[in-house]
Amino acid sequence: MPEGISLELLVAIGGIGALFVAHWIDRVIESRRKKRNACEALMRELKDTNEALNTDKHPMVIREPDIHYRSAFLNEDVYLGILHSEVFTEFESSTQNSLSNFYIKIRLRNKELAYLSDHRDQFFLDDTQKRTFADWTTKIRQREYNITMRDEELRNSLELIKSMLQEEIP
């Protein structure tokens, strides 16, 4: 043993090192647990999105050949919770980008749908004449078309997002 270093000092240094390693291992395990929980929660939210877009759970709006969408608001609560936590930074950057783009489309879709819901009653008031309905459908056509296009984009990217999350699960 080198001079000036006592056995007690070596034991103390070894104990501190062991505590450091144990703490580091606990943090890694906790980080993986949080990431797994986040992935599973996002997968459930994506399943709900898929059901809202592709099942008869919500009524379908069909006007003309190019307007067809489900009148359902899509949930983004899980994503927003994860986005504002440290867990989001644990995902690969490509997964972060894909999730962000996907949920931006959901947010824009929900805003268009909210506009239709909020302004429909204001537009009609007490008038139920056919002319009023024709004016309304002309006014909202672009918004409904936007919702239809977003739905297609969301449907097309759902499987990719799911597979990326599957790969992220620790």
N, C-alpha and C. Protein backbone atom coordinates (compact mmCIF):
# COMPACT_ATOMS: atom_id res chain seq x y z
N MET A 1 0.85 -1.17 0.00
CA MET A 1 0.00 0.00 0.00
C MET A 1 0.91 1.25 0.00
N PRO A 2 0.58 2.27 -0.84
CA PRO A 2 1.41 3.48 -0.89
C PRO A 2 1.39 4.19 0.46
N GLU A 3 2.48 4.91 0.69
CA GLU A 3 2.57 5.64 1.95
C GLU A 3 1.56 6.77 1.98
N GLY A 4 1.02 7.07 3.13
CA GLY A 4 0.10 8.18 3.32
C GLY A 4 -1.35 7.85 3.03
N ILE A 5 -1.64 6.70 2.46
CA ILE A 5 -3.03 6.32 2.19
C ILE A 5 -3.36 5.17 3.12
N SER A 6 -4.31 5.40 3.94
CA SER A 6 -4.68 4.36 4.90
C SER A 6 -5.77 3.47 4.32
N LEU A 7 -5.90 2.35 4.92
CA LEU A 7 -6.93 1.40 4.51
C LEU A 7 -8.32 2.00 4.65
N GLU A 8 -8.54 2.78 5.71
CA GLU A 8 -9.84 3.42 5.93
C GLU A 8 -10.18 4.38 4.80
N LEU A 9 -9.18 5.13 4.33
CA LEU A 9 -9.40 6.07 3.24
C LEU A 9 -9.77 5.33 1.96
N LEU A 10 -9.10 4.25 1.66
CA LEU A 10 -9.41 3.46 0.47
C LEU A 10 -10.82 2.87 0.55
N VAL A 11 -11.21 2.40 1.73
CA VAL A 11 -12.56 1.85 1.92
C VAL A 11 -13.59 2.96 1.74
N ALA A 12 -13.32 4.14 2.27
CA ALA A 12 -14.25 5.26 2.14
C ALA A 12 -14.41 5.67 0.68
N ILE A 13 -13.29 5.74 -0.04
CA ILE A 13 -13.34 6.10 -1.47
C ILE A 13 -14.10 5.03 -2.24
N GLY A 14 -13.84 3.77 -1.95
CA GLY A 14 -14.56 2.68 -2.60
C GLY A 14 -16.05 2.73 -2.31
N GLY A 15 -16.43 3.06 -1.08
CA GLY A 15 -17.84 3.17 -0.70
C GLY A 15 -18.54 4.29 -1.44
N ILE A 16 -17.85 5.43 -1.54
CA ILE A 16 -18.42 6.57 -2.27
C ILE A 16 -18.59 6.21 -3.74
N GLY A 17 -17.60 5.53 -4.30
CA GLY A 17 -17.69 5.08 -5.71
C GLY A 17 -18.85 4.13 -5.91
N ALA A 18 -19.03 3.21 -4.97
CA ALA A 18 -20.15 2.26 -5.08
C ALA A 18 -21.49 2.98 -5.00
N LEU A 19 -21.60 3.97 -4.11
CA LEU A 19 -22.84 4.75 -4.01
C LEU A 19 -23.11 5.51 -5.31
N PHE A 20 -22.06 6.07 -5.88
CA PHE A 20 -22.21 6.79 -7.14
C PHE A 20 -22.71 5.87 -8.25
N VAL A 21 -22.10 4.70 -8.36
CA VAL A 21 -22.50 3.73 -9.40
C VAL A 21 -23.94 3.27 -9.16
N ALA A 22 -24.31 3.00 -7.91
CA ALA A 22 -25.67 2.56 -7.59
C ALA A 22 -26.69 3.66 -7.95
N HIS A 23 -26.34 4.90 -7.64
CA HIS A 23 -27.23 6.03 -7.98
C HIS A 23 -27.37 6.16 -9.49
N TRP A 24 -26.26 6.04 -10.21
CA TRP A 24 -26.30 6.14 -11.67
C TRP A 24 -27.16 5.03 -12.27
N ILE A 25 -27.04 3.81 -11.77
CA ILE A 25 -27.84 2.69 -12.25
C ILE A 25 -29.33 2.94 -11.98
N ASP A 26 -29.66 3.45 -10.80
CA ASP A 26 -31.06 3.78 -10.49
C ASP A 26 -31.62 4.82 -11.46
N ARG A 27 -30.81 5.83 -11.78
CA ARG A 27 -31.27 6.87 -12.71
C ARG A 27 -31.51 6.30 -14.11
N VAL A 28 -30.64 5.42 -14.56
CA VAL A 28 -30.80 4.79 -15.87
C VAL A 28 -32.08 3.95 -15.89
N ILE A 29 -32.30 3.17 -14.85
CA ILE A 29 -33.50 2.32 -14.77
C ILE A 29 -34.75 3.19 -14.75
N GLU A 30 -34.74 4.26 -13.96
CA GLU A 30 -35.90 5.16 -13.88
C GLU A 30 -36.15 5.85 -15.22
N SER A 31 -35.09 6.26 -15.88
CA SER A 31 -35.23 6.91 -17.20
C SER A 31 -35.85 5.95 -18.21
N ARG A 32 -35.41 4.71 -18.21
CA ARG A 32 -35.97 3.71 -19.12
C ARG A 32 -37.43 3.43 -18.81
N ARG A 33 -37.77 3.38 -17.52
CA ARG A 33 -39.16 3.14 -17.11
C ARG A 33 -40.05 4.27 -17.61
N LYS A 34 -39.59 5.52 -17.43
CA LYS A 34 -40.38 6.67 -17.88
C LYS A 34 -40.55 6.66 -19.40
N LYS A 35 -39.48 6.32 -20.10
CA LYS A 35 -39.56 6.28 -21.56
C LYS A 35 -40.51 5.19 -22.02
N ARG A 36 -40.45 4.01 -21.39
CA ARG A 36 -41.36 2.92 -21.73
C ARG A 36 -42.80 3.35 -21.49
N ASN A 37 -43.07 3.96 -20.34
CA ASN A 37 -44.43 4.43 -20.03
C ASN A 37 -44.90 5.47 -21.04
N ALA A 38 -43.99 6.37 -21.43
CA ALA A 38 -44.35 7.39 -22.42
C ALA A 38 -44.69 6.75 -23.76
N CYS A 39 -43.89 5.80 -24.20
CA CYS A 39 -44.15 5.11 -25.47
C CYS A 39 -45.49 4.39 -25.43
N GLU A 40 -45.75 3.70 -24.34
CA GLU A 40 -47.02 2.96 -24.21
C GLU A 40 -48.22 3.91 -24.19
N ALA A 41 -48.09 5.03 -23.50
CA ALA A 41 -49.18 6.01 -23.46
C ALA A 41 -49.41 6.62 -24.84
N LEU A 42 -48.35 6.94 -25.54
CA LEU A 42 -48.49 7.47 -26.91
C LEU A 42 -49.11 6.44 -27.84
N MET A 43 -48.75 5.18 -27.67
CA MET A 43 -49.33 4.12 -28.50
C MET A 43 -50.85 4.03 -28.27
N ARG A 44 -51.27 4.17 -27.01
CA ARG A 44 -52.72 4.15 -26.72
C ARG A 44 -53.41 5.36 -27.35
N GLU A 45 -52.77 6.52 -27.28
CA GLU A 45 -53.36 7.71 -27.89
C GLU A 45 -53.44 7.57 -29.40
N LEU A 46 -52.42 6.98 -30.01
CA LEU A 46 -52.44 6.75 -31.45
C LEU A 46 -53.51 5.74 -31.84
N LYS A 47 -53.73 4.76 -30.98
CA LYS A 47 -54.81 3.80 -31.22
C LYS A 47 -56.17 4.52 -31.22
N ASP A 48 -56.36 5.43 -30.26
CA ASP A 48 -57.60 6.22 -30.21
C ASP A 48 -57.74 7.08 -31.46
N THR A 49 -56.64 7.66 -31.92
CA THR A 49 -56.66 8.48 -33.14
C THR A 49 -57.06 7.63 -34.33
N ASN A 50 -56.48 6.46 -34.43
CA ASN A 50 -56.80 5.55 -35.52
C ASN A 50 -58.29 5.19 -35.50
N GLU A 51 -58.82 4.88 -34.33
CA GLU A 51 -60.25 4.55 -34.22
C GLU A 51 -61.12 5.73 -34.60
N ALA A 52 -60.74 6.92 -34.16
CA ALA A 52 -61.53 8.12 -34.48
C ALA A 52 -61.56 8.39 -35.99
N LEU A 53 -60.45 8.12 -36.66
CA LEU A 53 -60.36 8.40 -38.09
C LEU A 53 -60.94 7.29 -38.97
N ASN A 54 -60.95 6.06 -38.48
CA ASN A 54 -61.23 4.93 -39.36
C ASN A 54 -62.40 4.05 -38.96
N THR A 55 -63.12 4.37 -37.92
CA THR A 55 -64.26 3.55 -37.54
C THR A 55 -65.53 4.38 -37.53
N ASP A 56 -66.64 3.72 -37.36
CA ASP A 56 -67.93 4.41 -37.33
C ASP A 56 -68.26 4.97 -35.94
N LYS A 57 -67.26 5.08 -35.10
CA LYS A 57 -67.43 5.60 -33.75
C LYS A 57 -67.94 7.05 -33.79
N HIS A 58 -67.54 7.79 -34.83
CA HIS A 58 -67.96 9.19 -35.00
C HIS A 58 -68.59 9.34 -36.38
N PRO A 59 -69.56 10.25 -36.51
CA PRO A 59 -70.24 10.40 -37.80
C PRO A 59 -69.30 10.92 -38.90
N MET A 60 -69.57 10.46 -40.10
CA MET A 60 -68.79 10.87 -41.27
C MET A 60 -69.52 12.02 -41.95
N VAL A 61 -68.77 13.07 -42.28
CA VAL A 61 -69.31 14.18 -43.07
C VAL A 61 -68.85 13.97 -44.50
N ILE A 62 -69.80 13.93 -45.42
CA ILE A 62 -69.48 13.73 -46.84
C ILE A 62 -70.18 14.82 -47.64
N ARG A 63 -69.38 15.60 -48.36
CA ARG A 63 -69.89 16.61 -49.28
C ARG A 63 -69.00 16.56 -50.52
N GLU A 64 -69.62 16.41 -51.62
CA GLU A 64 -68.89 16.33 -52.88
C GLU A 64 -67.91 15.16 -52.82
N PRO A 65 -67.27 14.86 -53.92
CA PRO A 65 -66.36 13.70 -53.88
C PRO A 65 -65.09 13.94 -53.07
N ASP A 66 -64.70 15.21 -52.90
CA ASP A 66 -63.41 15.45 -52.26
C ASP A 66 -63.49 15.90 -50.79
N ILE A 67 -64.67 15.86 -50.20
CA ILE A 67 -64.81 16.22 -48.79
C ILE A 67 -65.46 15.06 -48.05
N HIS A 68 -64.68 14.45 -47.16
CA HIS A 68 -65.17 13.34 -46.34
C HIS A 68 -64.26 13.23 -45.11
N TYR A 69 -64.82 13.47 -43.97
CA TYR A 69 -64.04 13.42 -42.74
C TYR A 69 -64.94 13.02 -41.58
N ARG A 70 -64.33 12.58 -40.50
CA ARG A 70 -65.06 12.23 -39.27
C ARG A 70 -65.12 13.47 -38.40
N SER A 71 -66.29 13.73 -37.85
CA SER A 71 -66.45 14.92 -37.01
C SER A 71 -66.08 14.58 -35.56
N ALA A 72 -64.80 14.31 -35.37
CA ALA A 72 -64.28 13.96 -34.04
C ALA A 72 -63.03 14.79 -33.78
N PHE A 73 -62.96 15.34 -32.58
CA PHE A 73 -61.74 16.01 -32.17
C PHE A 73 -60.73 14.95 -31.74
N LEU A 74 -59.51 15.09 -32.21
CA LEU A 74 -58.47 14.10 -31.90
C LEU A 74 -57.68 14.56 -30.68
N ASN A 75 -57.41 13.61 -29.81
CA ASN A 75 -56.75 13.90 -28.54
C ASN A 75 -55.25 14.08 -28.73
N GLU A 76 -54.70 15.04 -28.01
CA GLU A 76 -53.25 15.26 -28.01
C GLU A 76 -52.72 15.49 -26.60
N ASP A 77 -53.50 15.13 -25.60
CA ASP A 77 -53.12 15.37 -24.21
C ASP A 77 -51.85 14.61 -23.80
N VAL A 78 -51.76 13.35 -24.17
CA VAL A 78 -50.59 12.55 -23.80
C VAL A 78 -49.34 13.15 -24.43
N TYR A 79 -49.43 13.45 -25.71
CA TYR A 79 -48.28 14.04 -26.40
C TYR A 79 -47.84 15.33 -25.74
N LEU A 80 -48.78 16.22 -25.43
CA LEU A 80 -48.42 17.49 -24.81
C LEU A 80 -47.78 17.29 -23.45
N GLY A 81 -48.28 16.32 -22.68
CA GLY A 81 -47.68 16.03 -21.39
C GLY A 81 -46.25 15.54 -21.53
N ILE A 82 -46.02 14.68 -22.50
CA ILE A 82 -44.67 14.14 -22.72
C ILE A 82 -43.75 15.21 -23.31
N LEU A 83 -44.30 16.04 -24.18
CA LEU A 83 -43.52 17.11 -24.80
C LEU A 83 -42.93 18.04 -23.75
N HIS A 84 -43.69 18.31 -22.71
CA HIS A 84 -43.26 19.26 -21.68
C HIS A 84 -42.59 18.57 -20.49
N SER A 85 -42.15 17.36 -20.69
CA SER A 85 -41.41 16.65 -19.65
C SER A 85 -40.02 16.34 -20.19
N GLU A 86 -39.16 15.86 -19.32
CA GLU A 86 -37.80 15.53 -19.77
C GLU A 86 -37.78 14.27 -20.62
N VAL A 87 -38.86 13.51 -20.63
CA VAL A 87 -38.89 12.24 -21.37
C VAL A 87 -38.77 12.47 -22.88
N PHE A 88 -39.37 13.54 -23.38
CA PHE A 88 -39.36 13.79 -24.82
C PHE A 88 -37.94 13.85 -25.36
N THR A 89 -37.01 14.39 -24.58
CA THR A 89 -35.63 14.52 -25.04
C THR A 89 -34.93 13.16 -25.11
N GLU A 90 -35.51 12.14 -24.52
CA GLU A 90 -34.93 10.79 -24.56
C GLU A 90 -35.17 10.10 -25.91
N PHE A 91 -36.14 10.59 -26.69
CA PHE A 91 -36.42 10.00 -27.99
C PHE A 91 -35.36 10.42 -29.01
N GLU A 92 -35.18 9.58 -30.01
CA GLU A 92 -34.29 9.92 -31.13
C GLU A 92 -34.83 11.19 -31.80
N SER A 93 -33.96 11.98 -32.40
CA SER A 93 -34.40 13.24 -33.01
C SER A 93 -35.39 12.99 -34.15
N SER A 94 -35.23 11.91 -34.89
CA SER A 94 -36.17 11.61 -35.98
C SER A 94 -37.56 11.31 -35.41
N THR A 95 -37.62 10.62 -34.27
CA THR A 95 -38.90 10.34 -33.63
C THR A 95 -39.51 11.63 -33.10
N GLN A 96 -38.70 12.48 -32.49
CA GLN A 96 -39.19 13.77 -32.00
C GLN A 96 -39.80 14.58 -33.15
N ASN A 97 -39.10 14.64 -34.27
CA ASN A 97 -39.59 15.40 -35.43
C ASN A 97 -40.88 14.80 -35.97
N SER A 98 -40.93 13.50 -36.11
CA SER A 98 -42.13 12.85 -36.65
C SER A 98 -43.33 13.05 -35.72
N LEU A 99 -43.11 12.87 -34.43
CA LEU A 99 -44.20 13.10 -33.47
C LEU A 99 -44.68 14.55 -33.52
N SER A 100 -43.74 15.48 -33.55
CA SER A 100 -44.12 16.90 -33.59
C SER A 100 -44.92 17.22 -34.83
N ASN A 101 -44.47 16.75 -35.99
CA ASN A 101 -45.20 16.99 -37.24
C ASN A 101 -46.59 16.35 -37.21
N PHE A 102 -46.67 15.15 -36.70
CA PHE A 102 -47.95 14.45 -36.61
C PHE A 102 -48.94 15.22 -35.73
N TYR A 103 -48.48 15.65 -34.58
CA TYR A 103 -49.38 16.34 -33.66
C TYR A 103 -49.67 17.78 -34.07
N ILE A 104 -48.81 18.39 -34.86
CA ILE A 104 -49.14 19.70 -35.44
C ILE A 104 -50.32 19.54 -36.38
N LYS A 105 -50.33 18.47 -37.16
CA LYS A 105 -51.46 18.21 -38.07
C LYS A 105 -52.74 17.98 -37.28
N ILE A 106 -52.64 17.27 -36.17
CA ILE A 106 -53.83 17.07 -35.32
C ILE A 106 -54.32 18.41 -34.78
N ARG A 107 -53.39 19.23 -34.30
CA ARG A 107 -53.79 20.53 -33.75
C ARG A 107 -54.47 21.40 -34.81
N LEU A 108 -53.91 21.45 -36.01
CA LEU A 108 -54.50 22.24 -37.09
C LEU A 108 -55.87 21.69 -37.48
N ARG A 109 -55.99 20.38 -37.53
CA ARG A 109 -57.27 19.75 -37.85
C ARG A 109 -58.31 20.09 -36.80
N ASN A 110 -57.93 19.99 -35.54
CA ASN A 110 -58.87 20.30 -34.46
C ASN A 110 -59.30 21.76 -34.49
N LYS A 111 -58.38 22.67 -34.86
CA LYS A 111 -58.74 24.09 -34.96
C LYS A 111 -59.77 24.33 -36.06
N GLU A 112 -59.58 23.67 -37.20
CA GLU A 112 -60.55 23.80 -38.30
C GLU A 112 -61.91 23.26 -37.87
N LEU A 113 -61.91 22.11 -37.22
CA LEU A 113 -63.16 21.51 -36.75
C LEU A 113 -63.83 22.39 -35.69
N ALA A 114 -63.04 22.98 -34.82
CA ALA A 114 -63.59 23.88 -33.79
C ALA A 114 -64.22 25.11 -34.45
N TYR A 115 -63.60 25.63 -35.49
CA TYR A 115 -64.17 26.77 -36.20
C TYR A 115 -65.55 26.41 -36.75
N LEU A 116 -65.64 25.24 -37.38
CA LEU A 116 -66.92 24.81 -37.94
C LEU A 116 -67.97 24.68 -36.83
N SER A 117 -67.59 24.08 -35.73
CA SER A 117 -68.53 23.90 -34.62
C SER A 117 -68.95 25.23 -34.02
N ASP A 118 -68.00 26.11 -33.81
CA ASP A 118 -68.28 27.39 -33.16
C ASP A 118 -69.12 28.32 -34.02
N HIS A 119 -68.89 28.31 -35.33
CA HIS A 119 -69.53 29.29 -36.19
C HIS A 119 -70.79 28.80 -36.89
N ARG A 120 -71.05 27.52 -36.85
CA ARG A 120 -72.26 26.99 -37.49
C ARG A 120 -73.51 27.62 -36.89
N ASP A 121 -73.60 27.60 -35.59
CA ASP A 121 -74.79 28.16 -34.93
C ASP A 121 -74.89 29.67 -35.15
N GLN A 122 -73.77 30.36 -35.12
CA GLN A 122 -73.80 31.80 -35.36
C GLN A 122 -74.24 32.13 -36.77
N PHE A 123 -73.88 31.29 -37.73
CA PHE A 123 -74.23 31.54 -39.12
C PHE A 123 -75.72 31.37 -39.37
N PHE A 124 -76.28 30.31 -38.82
CA PHE A 124 -77.68 30.02 -39.10
C PHE A 124 -78.64 30.83 -38.24
N LEU A 125 -78.28 31.09 -37.01
CA LEU A 125 -79.18 31.76 -36.06
C LEU A 125 -80.53 31.03 -36.09
N ASP A 126 -81.59 31.71 -36.54
CA ASP A 126 -82.90 31.06 -36.58
C ASP A 126 -83.34 30.75 -38.01
N ASP A 127 -82.48 30.99 -38.96
CA ASP A 127 -82.84 30.84 -40.36
C ASP A 127 -82.45 29.44 -40.85
N THR A 128 -83.39 28.67 -41.31
CA THR A 128 -83.11 27.31 -41.81
C THR A 128 -83.42 27.19 -43.30
N GLN A 129 -83.41 28.27 -44.01
CA GLN A 129 -83.72 28.22 -45.44
C GLN A 129 -82.58 27.55 -46.22
N LYS A 130 -82.93 27.00 -47.35
CA LYS A 130 -81.94 26.32 -48.18
C LYS A 130 -80.84 27.27 -48.64
N ARG A 131 -81.19 28.51 -48.90
CA ARG A 131 -80.19 29.50 -49.35
C ARG A 131 -79.12 29.69 -48.27
N THR A 132 -79.53 29.73 -47.03
CA THR A 132 -78.58 29.90 -45.93
C THR A 132 -77.65 28.71 -45.84
N PHE A 133 -78.18 27.51 -46.01
CA PHE A 133 -77.35 26.31 -45.97
C PHE A 133 -76.35 26.32 -47.13
N ALA A 134 -76.78 26.72 -48.30
CA ALA A 134 -75.88 26.80 -49.45
C ALA A 134 -74.76 27.82 -49.20
N ASP A 135 -75.11 28.96 -48.62
CA ASP A 135 -74.09 29.96 -48.28
C ASP A 135 -73.09 29.40 -47.28
N TRP A 136 -73.61 28.69 -46.29
CA TRP A 136 -72.74 28.11 -45.26
C TRP A 136 -71.77 27.10 -45.87
N THR A 137 -72.28 26.19 -46.69
CA THR A 137 -71.40 25.16 -47.25
C THR A 137 -70.35 25.77 -48.18
N THR A 138 -70.70 26.84 -48.88
CA THR A 138 -69.73 27.53 -49.72
C THR A 138 -68.64 28.16 -48.85
N LYS A 139 -69.05 28.76 -47.77
CA LYS A 139 -68.10 29.44 -46.89
C LYS A 139 -67.14 28.47 -46.21
N ILE A 140 -67.60 27.30 -45.86
CA ILE A 140 -66.76 26.37 -45.09
C ILE A 140 -66.07 25.32 -45.95
N ARG A 141 -66.31 25.33 -47.25
CA ARG A 141 -65.76 24.29 -48.12
C ARG A 141 -64.25 24.12 -47.96
N GLN A 142 -63.50 25.21 -47.95
CA GLN A 142 -62.04 25.12 -47.85
C GLN A 142 -61.62 24.52 -46.50
N ARG A 143 -62.31 24.89 -45.45
CA ARG A 143 -61.98 24.34 -44.13
C ARG A 143 -62.26 22.83 -44.09
N GLU A 144 -63.37 22.42 -44.66
CA GLU A 144 -63.69 20.99 -44.69
C GLU A 144 -62.70 20.23 -45.57
N TYR A 145 -62.28 20.84 -46.66
CA TYR A 145 -61.28 20.22 -47.51
C TYR A 145 -59.96 20.07 -46.75
N ASN A 146 -59.58 21.10 -45.97
CA ASN A 146 -58.37 21.03 -45.16
C ASN A 146 -58.44 19.87 -44.16
N ILE A 147 -59.58 19.69 -43.52
CA ILE A 147 -59.76 18.59 -42.57
C ILE A 147 -59.61 17.25 -43.30
N THR A 148 -60.22 17.15 -44.46
CA THR A 148 -60.12 15.91 -45.25
C THR A 148 -58.67 15.59 -45.59
N MET A 149 -57.91 16.59 -46.02
CA MET A 149 -56.51 16.38 -46.37
C MET A 149 -55.68 16.01 -45.14
N ARG A 150 -55.93 16.66 -44.03
CA ARG A 150 -55.21 16.33 -42.79
C ARG A 150 -55.50 14.89 -42.35
N ASP A 151 -56.77 14.49 -42.48
CA ASP A 151 -57.12 13.12 -42.12
C ASP A 151 -56.33 12.11 -42.95
N GLU A 152 -56.21 12.38 -44.25
CA GLU A 152 -55.43 11.48 -45.11
C GLU A 152 -53.96 11.46 -44.69
N GLU A 153 -53.41 12.63 -44.41
CA GLU A 153 -52.01 12.70 -43.97
C GLU A 153 -51.81 11.95 -42.67
N LEU A 154 -52.76 12.10 -41.75
CA LEU A 154 -52.66 11.41 -40.46
C LEU A 154 -52.76 9.90 -40.65
N ARG A 155 -53.71 9.46 -41.45
CA ARG A 155 -53.86 8.02 -41.71
C ARG A 155 -52.57 7.44 -42.31
N ASN A 156 -52.01 8.19 -43.26
CA ASN A 156 -50.81 7.70 -43.95
C ASN A 156 -49.57 7.64 -43.05
N SER A 157 -49.52 8.47 -42.02
CA SER A 157 -48.32 8.48 -41.18
C SER A 157 -48.48 7.72 -39.87
N LEU A 158 -49.67 7.24 -39.58
CA LEU A 158 -49.91 6.54 -38.31
C LEU A 158 -49.01 5.32 -38.13
N GLU A 159 -48.90 4.48 -39.11
CA GLU A 159 -48.11 3.25 -38.98
C GLU A 159 -46.62 3.56 -38.81
N LEU A 160 -46.13 4.56 -39.51
CA LEU A 160 -44.73 4.95 -39.36
C LEU A 160 -44.46 5.42 -37.94
N ILE A 161 -45.33 6.25 -37.42
CA ILE A 161 -45.17 6.77 -36.05
C ILE A 161 -45.20 5.60 -35.05
N LYS A 162 -46.14 4.69 -35.23
CA LYS A 162 -46.22 3.52 -34.33
C LYS A 162 -44.94 2.70 -34.36
N SER A 163 -44.41 2.47 -35.56
CA SER A 163 -43.19 1.66 -35.66
C SER A 163 -42.00 2.38 -35.04
N MET A 164 -41.94 3.69 -35.19
CA MET A 164 -40.85 4.45 -34.58
C MET A 164 -40.93 4.35 -33.05
N LEU A 165 -42.14 4.43 -32.52
CA LEU A 165 -42.30 4.31 -31.06
C LEU A 165 -41.93 2.90 -30.58
N GLN A 166 -42.29 1.90 -31.36
CA GLN A 166 -41.94 0.51 -31.01
C GLN A 166 -40.42 0.37 -30.88
N GLU A 167 -39.70 1.00 -31.79
CA GLU A 167 -38.24 0.92 -31.75
C GLU A 167 -37.66 1.68 -30.56
N GLU A 168 -38.39 2.68 -30.08
CA GLU A 168 -37.92 3.50 -28.95
C GLU A 168 -38.10 2.81 -27.60
N ILE A 169 -38.99 1.82 -27.52
CA ILE A 169 -39.26 1.19 -26.24
C ILE A 169 -37.99 0.49 -25.74
N PRO A 170 -37.52 0.88 -24.56
CA PRO A 170 -36.27 0.28 -24.04
C PRO A 170 -36.47 -1.16 -23.58
